[in-house]
N, C-alpha and C. Protein backbone atom coordinates (compact mmCIF):
# COMPACT_ATOMS: atom_id res chain seq x y z
N UNK A 1 0.66 -1.35 -0.17
CA UNK A 1 0.06 0.04 0.23
C UNK A 1 0.38 1.07 0.20
N UNK A 2 2.13 1.28 0.05
CA UNK A 2 3.10 2.41 0.11
C UNK A 2 2.61 2.67 -1.42
N UNK A 3 2.90 2.28 -2.13
CA UNK A 3 3.03 2.37 -3.45
C UNK A 3 1.79 3.51 -3.99
N UNK A 4 0.84 2.99 -3.40
CA UNK A 4 -0.06 3.36 -3.81
C UNK A 4 -0.47 4.72 -2.77
N UNK A 5 0.41 4.79 -2.28
CA UNK A 5 -0.05 6.49 -1.27
C UNK A 5 1.34 7.10 -1.72
N UNK A 6 1.83 6.36 -2.60
CA UNK A 6 3.33 7.74 -2.66
C UNK A 6 2.50 8.13 -4.40
N UNK A 7 1.77 6.67 -5.18
CA UNK A 7 1.30 7.60 -5.77
C UNK A 7 0.52 8.74 -5.91
N UNK A 8 -0.73 8.48 -5.21
CA UNK A 8 -1.63 9.24 -4.53
C UNK A 8 -1.28 10.60 -4.27
N UNK A 9 -0.23 9.99 -3.61
CA UNK A 9 0.99 11.34 -2.82
C UNK A 9 0.06 12.98 -3.26
N UNK A 10 0.20 13.59 -3.61
CA UNK A 10 -0.39 15.02 -4.01
C UNK A 10 -0.72 15.05 -5.72
N UNK A 11 -1.87 14.84 -5.87
CA UNK A 11 -2.65 14.67 -6.90
C UNK A 11 -3.29 15.86 -6.77
N UNK A 12 -2.56 16.83 -8.24
CA UNK A 12 -2.98 18.02 -8.36
C UNK A 12 -4.50 17.86 -9.03
N UNK A 13 -4.22 16.53 -9.98
CA UNK A 13 -5.73 15.94 -11.00
C UNK A 13 -6.24 15.19 -10.03
N UNK A 14 -7.49 15.75 -10.24
CA UNK A 14 -9.06 14.96 -9.43
C UNK A 14 -8.80 13.06 -10.69
N UNK A 15 -9.17 12.86 -8.90
CA UNK A 15 -9.56 11.60 -9.63
C UNK A 15 -11.16 11.47 -10.68
N UNK A 16 -10.96 10.42 -11.46
CA UNK A 16 -12.11 10.47 -12.71
C UNK A 16 -13.56 9.98 -12.01
N UNK A 17 -14.70 10.24 -12.51
CA UNK A 17 -16.10 9.62 -12.16
C UNK A 17 -15.47 8.49 -13.38
N UNK A 18 -15.75 7.14 -12.74
CA UNK A 18 -15.82 6.14 -13.34
C UNK A 18 -17.20 5.56 -13.72
N UNK A 19 -17.66 5.94 -14.84
CA UNK A 19 -19.13 5.16 -15.54
C UNK A 19 -19.30 3.93 -16.01
N UNK A 20 -19.48 2.87 -15.16
CA UNK A 20 -19.71 1.63 -16.06
C UNK A 20 -20.50 1.47 -17.80
N UNK A 21 -20.93 2.32 -17.24
CA UNK A 21 -22.11 2.66 -18.47
C UNK A 21 -22.10 3.92 -19.17
N UNK A 22 -20.86 4.83 -19.70
CA UNK A 22 -21.37 5.43 -19.72
C UNK A 22 -20.65 5.28 -21.30
N UNK A 23 -20.29 5.77 -22.11
CA UNK A 23 -20.02 6.44 -23.30
C UNK A 23 -18.23 5.18 -23.93
N UNK A 24 -17.30 6.31 -22.48
CA UNK A 24 -16.03 5.76 -22.41
C UNK A 24 -15.67 4.68 -22.18
N UNK A 25 -14.64 3.32 -22.47
CA UNK A 25 -14.62 2.52 -22.15
C UNK A 25 -13.68 2.69 -20.26
N UNK A 26 -13.76 2.03 -19.60
CA UNK A 26 -13.41 2.47 -18.24
C UNK A 26 -11.82 2.05 -17.83
N UNK A 27 -11.41 0.87 -19.46
CA UNK A 27 -9.76 1.43 -19.38
C UNK A 27 -8.85 2.59 -19.54
N UNK A 28 -9.76 3.08 -20.26
CA UNK A 28 -9.59 4.32 -21.06
C UNK A 28 -9.29 5.61 -19.82
N UNK A 29 -10.99 5.72 -19.36
CA UNK A 29 -10.34 6.44 -18.84
C UNK A 29 -9.32 6.25 -17.75
N UNK A 30 -9.08 5.29 -17.24
CA UNK A 30 -8.06 5.05 -16.44
C UNK A 30 -6.41 5.39 -17.42
N UNK A 31 -6.71 5.12 -18.08
CA UNK A 31 -5.42 5.29 -18.78
C UNK A 31 -5.40 6.70 -19.47
N UNK A 32 -6.94 7.50 -19.92
CA UNK A 32 -6.33 9.34 -20.07
C UNK A 32 -6.28 9.61 -18.35
N UNK A 33 -6.31 9.31 -17.40
CA UNK A 33 -6.45 9.70 -15.90
C UNK A 33 -4.70 9.93 -15.79
N UNK A 34 -4.36 9.22 -15.83
CA UNK A 34 -2.55 8.87 -15.92
C UNK A 34 -2.01 9.14 -16.79
N UNK A 35 -2.16 9.32 -17.83
CA UNK A 35 -1.61 10.21 -18.92
C UNK A 35 -1.52 11.35 -18.44
N UNK A 36 -2.92 12.16 -17.97
CA UNK A 36 -3.46 13.51 -17.90
C UNK A 36 -1.59 14.18 -16.53
N UNK A 37 -1.71 12.96 -15.93
CA UNK A 37 -0.97 12.43 -14.27
C UNK A 37 0.56 12.95 -14.64
N UNK A 38 0.99 12.29 -16.03
CA UNK A 38 2.11 12.35 -17.26
C UNK A 38 2.96 13.72 -18.04
N UNK A 39 1.49 14.32 -18.45
CA UNK A 39 1.96 15.27 -19.30
C UNK A 39 1.57 16.27 -17.90
N UNK A 40 0.98 16.54 -16.78
CA UNK A 40 1.32 17.39 -16.23
C UNK A 40 2.42 17.50 -14.75
N UNK A 41 3.45 16.26 -15.05
CA UNK A 41 4.38 16.75 -14.78
C UNK A 41 4.16 16.40 -12.91
N UNK A 42 3.22 15.31 -12.36
CA UNK A 42 2.75 14.36 -11.92
C UNK A 42 3.68 13.50 -11.74
N UNK A 43 3.87 12.50 -12.97
CA UNK A 43 4.50 11.70 -13.19
C UNK A 43 5.79 12.19 -13.52
N UNK A 44 7.19 11.74 -13.70
CA UNK A 44 7.85 12.23 -14.96
C UNK A 44 8.69 10.66 -15.13
N UNK A 45 9.49 11.24 -15.78
CA UNK A 45 10.46 9.87 -17.24
C UNK A 45 10.76 9.28 -16.07
N UNK A 46 11.21 8.44 -15.56
CA UNK A 46 11.22 7.00 -15.21
C UNK A 46 10.74 7.14 -13.59
N UNK A 47 9.93 7.54 -13.72
CA UNK A 47 9.49 7.25 -12.47
C UNK A 47 8.04 5.75 -12.54
N UNK A 48 7.83 4.99 -11.97
CA UNK A 48 7.31 3.67 -11.47
C UNK A 48 5.82 4.41 -11.19
N UNK A 49 4.66 3.52 -12.31
CA UNK A 49 3.53 3.85 -12.02
C UNK A 49 3.13 2.24 -10.71
N UNK A 50 2.36 2.74 -10.57
CA UNK A 50 1.80 1.89 -9.60
C UNK A 50 1.33 -0.13 -10.67
N UNK A 51 1.77 -0.78 -9.75
CA UNK A 51 1.35 -2.36 -10.08
C UNK A 51 -1.09 -2.23 -10.84
N UNK A 52 -0.76 -3.88 -11.56
CA UNK A 52 -2.20 -3.87 -11.22
C UNK A 52 -2.78 -3.87 -10.43
N UNK A 53 -2.55 -4.27 -9.26
CA UNK A 53 -3.44 -4.89 -8.03
C UNK A 53 -3.33 -3.32 -7.26
N UNK A 54 -2.33 -2.32 -7.71
CA UNK A 54 -2.60 -0.52 -6.84
C UNK A 54 -3.23 -0.20 -7.34
N UNK A 55 -3.20 -0.20 -8.52
CA UNK A 55 -4.40 0.55 -9.46
C UNK A 55 -5.28 0.14 -9.30
N UNK A 56 -5.92 -1.04 -9.63
CA UNK A 56 -7.37 -1.64 -9.00
C UNK A 56 -8.22 -1.65 -7.65
N UNK A 57 -7.08 -1.04 -6.66
CA UNK A 57 -8.02 -0.73 -5.99
C UNK A 57 -7.54 0.39 -6.01
N UNK A 58 -7.29 1.65 -6.11
CA UNK A 58 -7.07 2.81 -6.17
C UNK A 58 -8.48 3.26 -7.14
N UNK A 59 -8.80 3.00 -8.93
CA UNK A 59 -10.34 3.19 -9.37
C UNK A 59 -10.72 2.31 -9.07
N UNK A 60 -11.15 1.39 -7.66
CA UNK A 60 -12.01 0.57 -7.47
C UNK A 60 -12.32 -0.94 -8.34
N UNK A 61 -11.68 -0.73 -9.41
CA UNK A 61 -12.30 -1.49 -10.50
C UNK A 61 -11.29 -2.69 -10.45
N UNK A 62 -11.63 -3.99 -11.53
CA UNK A 62 -10.55 -5.07 -11.95
C UNK A 62 -9.55 -5.18 -12.02
N UNK A 63 -8.97 -6.11 -11.59
CA UNK A 63 -7.36 -6.77 -11.84
C UNK A 63 -8.02 -6.50 -13.49
N UNK A 64 -8.20 -7.06 -13.43
CA UNK A 64 -7.69 -7.55 -15.43
C UNK A 64 -8.37 -5.56 -16.02
N UNK A 65 -9.04 -4.93 -15.68
CA UNK A 65 -9.00 -3.43 -16.34
C UNK A 65 -8.15 -2.39 -15.84
N UNK A 66 -7.06 -2.83 -15.01
CA UNK A 66 -6.47 -2.23 -14.69
C UNK A 66 -5.67 -2.98 -15.59
N UNK A 67 -5.13 -4.21 -15.78
CA UNK A 67 -3.76 -4.37 -16.74
C UNK A 67 -4.94 -3.60 -17.93
N UNK A 68 -5.58 -3.82 -18.64
CA UNK A 68 -5.73 -2.94 -19.51
C UNK A 68 -5.14 -1.84 -19.90
N UNK A 69 -5.59 -1.52 -19.15
CA UNK A 69 -5.70 0.22 -18.93
C UNK A 69 -3.80 0.46 -19.03
N UNK A 70 -2.62 -0.10 -18.35
CA UNK A 70 -1.23 -0.50 -18.38
C UNK A 70 -1.19 -0.77 -19.61
N UNK A 71 -1.49 -1.68 -20.44
CA UNK A 71 -1.76 -1.79 -21.74
C UNK A 71 -1.57 -0.58 -22.58
N UNK A 72 -2.52 0.38 -22.93
CA UNK A 72 -3.62 0.78 -23.30
C UNK A 72 -2.44 2.02 -23.29
N UNK A 73 -1.74 2.33 -22.09
CA UNK A 73 -0.09 3.52 -22.12
C UNK A 73 0.51 3.66 -22.83
N UNK A 74 0.82 1.80 -22.26
CA UNK A 74 1.83 1.27 -23.84
C UNK A 74 1.97 1.48 -25.22
N UNK A 75 0.83 0.67 -25.28
CA UNK A 75 0.59 1.75 -26.45
C UNK A 75 0.36 2.81 -26.91
N UNK A 76 0.26 3.51 -25.91
CA UNK A 76 0.50 5.00 -26.22
C UNK A 76 1.73 5.47 -26.26
N UNK A 77 3.00 4.22 -26.23
CA UNK A 77 4.51 4.94 -26.63
C UNK A 77 4.17 5.82 -25.00
N UNK A 78 3.36 6.06 -23.62
CA UNK A 78 3.66 6.98 -22.33
C UNK A 78 4.64 5.95 -21.24
N UNK A 79 3.92 4.26 -20.75
CA UNK A 79 5.30 3.79 -20.61
C UNK A 79 5.77 2.64 -20.88
N UNK A 80 7.03 1.69 -20.53
CA UNK A 80 7.33 0.79 -20.64
C UNK A 80 7.78 -0.22 -19.25
N UNK A 81 7.47 -1.33 -19.81
CA UNK A 81 7.17 -2.01 -18.66
C UNK A 81 8.66 -2.78 -18.61
N UNK A 82 8.91 -2.85 -17.33
CA UNK A 82 10.39 -4.10 -17.33
C UNK A 82 10.50 -5.12 -16.28
N UNK A 83 9.38 -6.09 -16.43
CA UNK A 83 9.66 -8.13 -16.16
C UNK A 83 10.03 -8.43 -15.09
N UNK A 84 9.47 -8.29 -13.58
CA UNK A 84 10.36 -8.36 -12.40
C UNK A 84 10.56 -7.05 -11.86
N UNK A 85 10.05 -5.43 -12.31
CA UNK A 85 10.23 -4.71 -11.90
C UNK A 85 9.36 -3.65 -12.18
N UNK A 86 8.86 -3.15 -13.13
CA UNK A 86 7.35 -2.50 -12.97
C UNK A 86 7.32 -1.71 -14.40
N UNK A 87 5.94 -0.93 -14.19
CA UNK A 87 6.18 -0.10 -15.48
C UNK A 87 6.33 1.56 -14.59
N UNK A 88 7.10 1.99 -16.07
CA UNK A 88 8.39 2.94 -15.65
C UNK A 88 7.48 4.32 -16.92
N UNK A 89 8.03 5.47 -16.65
CA UNK A 89 7.02 6.62 -17.52
C UNK A 89 8.52 6.47 -18.20
N UNK A 90 7.88 7.24 -19.84
CA UNK A 90 8.77 7.06 -20.79
C UNK A 90 9.53 8.28 -20.28
């Protein structure tokens, strides 16, 4: 839980409202929020983002949804994952 506390630390970007029945896919909402934090400078290059379990707990979603959000961030070229180490901002 320390990772999630550090991640939540001083968030200036407000937590998004996640509506499972809304027009946007939940994992896209999460990825957009993390991307906004990167662009705002809250998460800097080589900062480690929380793991899937921590993201799932923070956003109150399933671990699979959290994993898909991380995959989306990788596809956008915003993060890279090092097996056994974590996922880091590019």
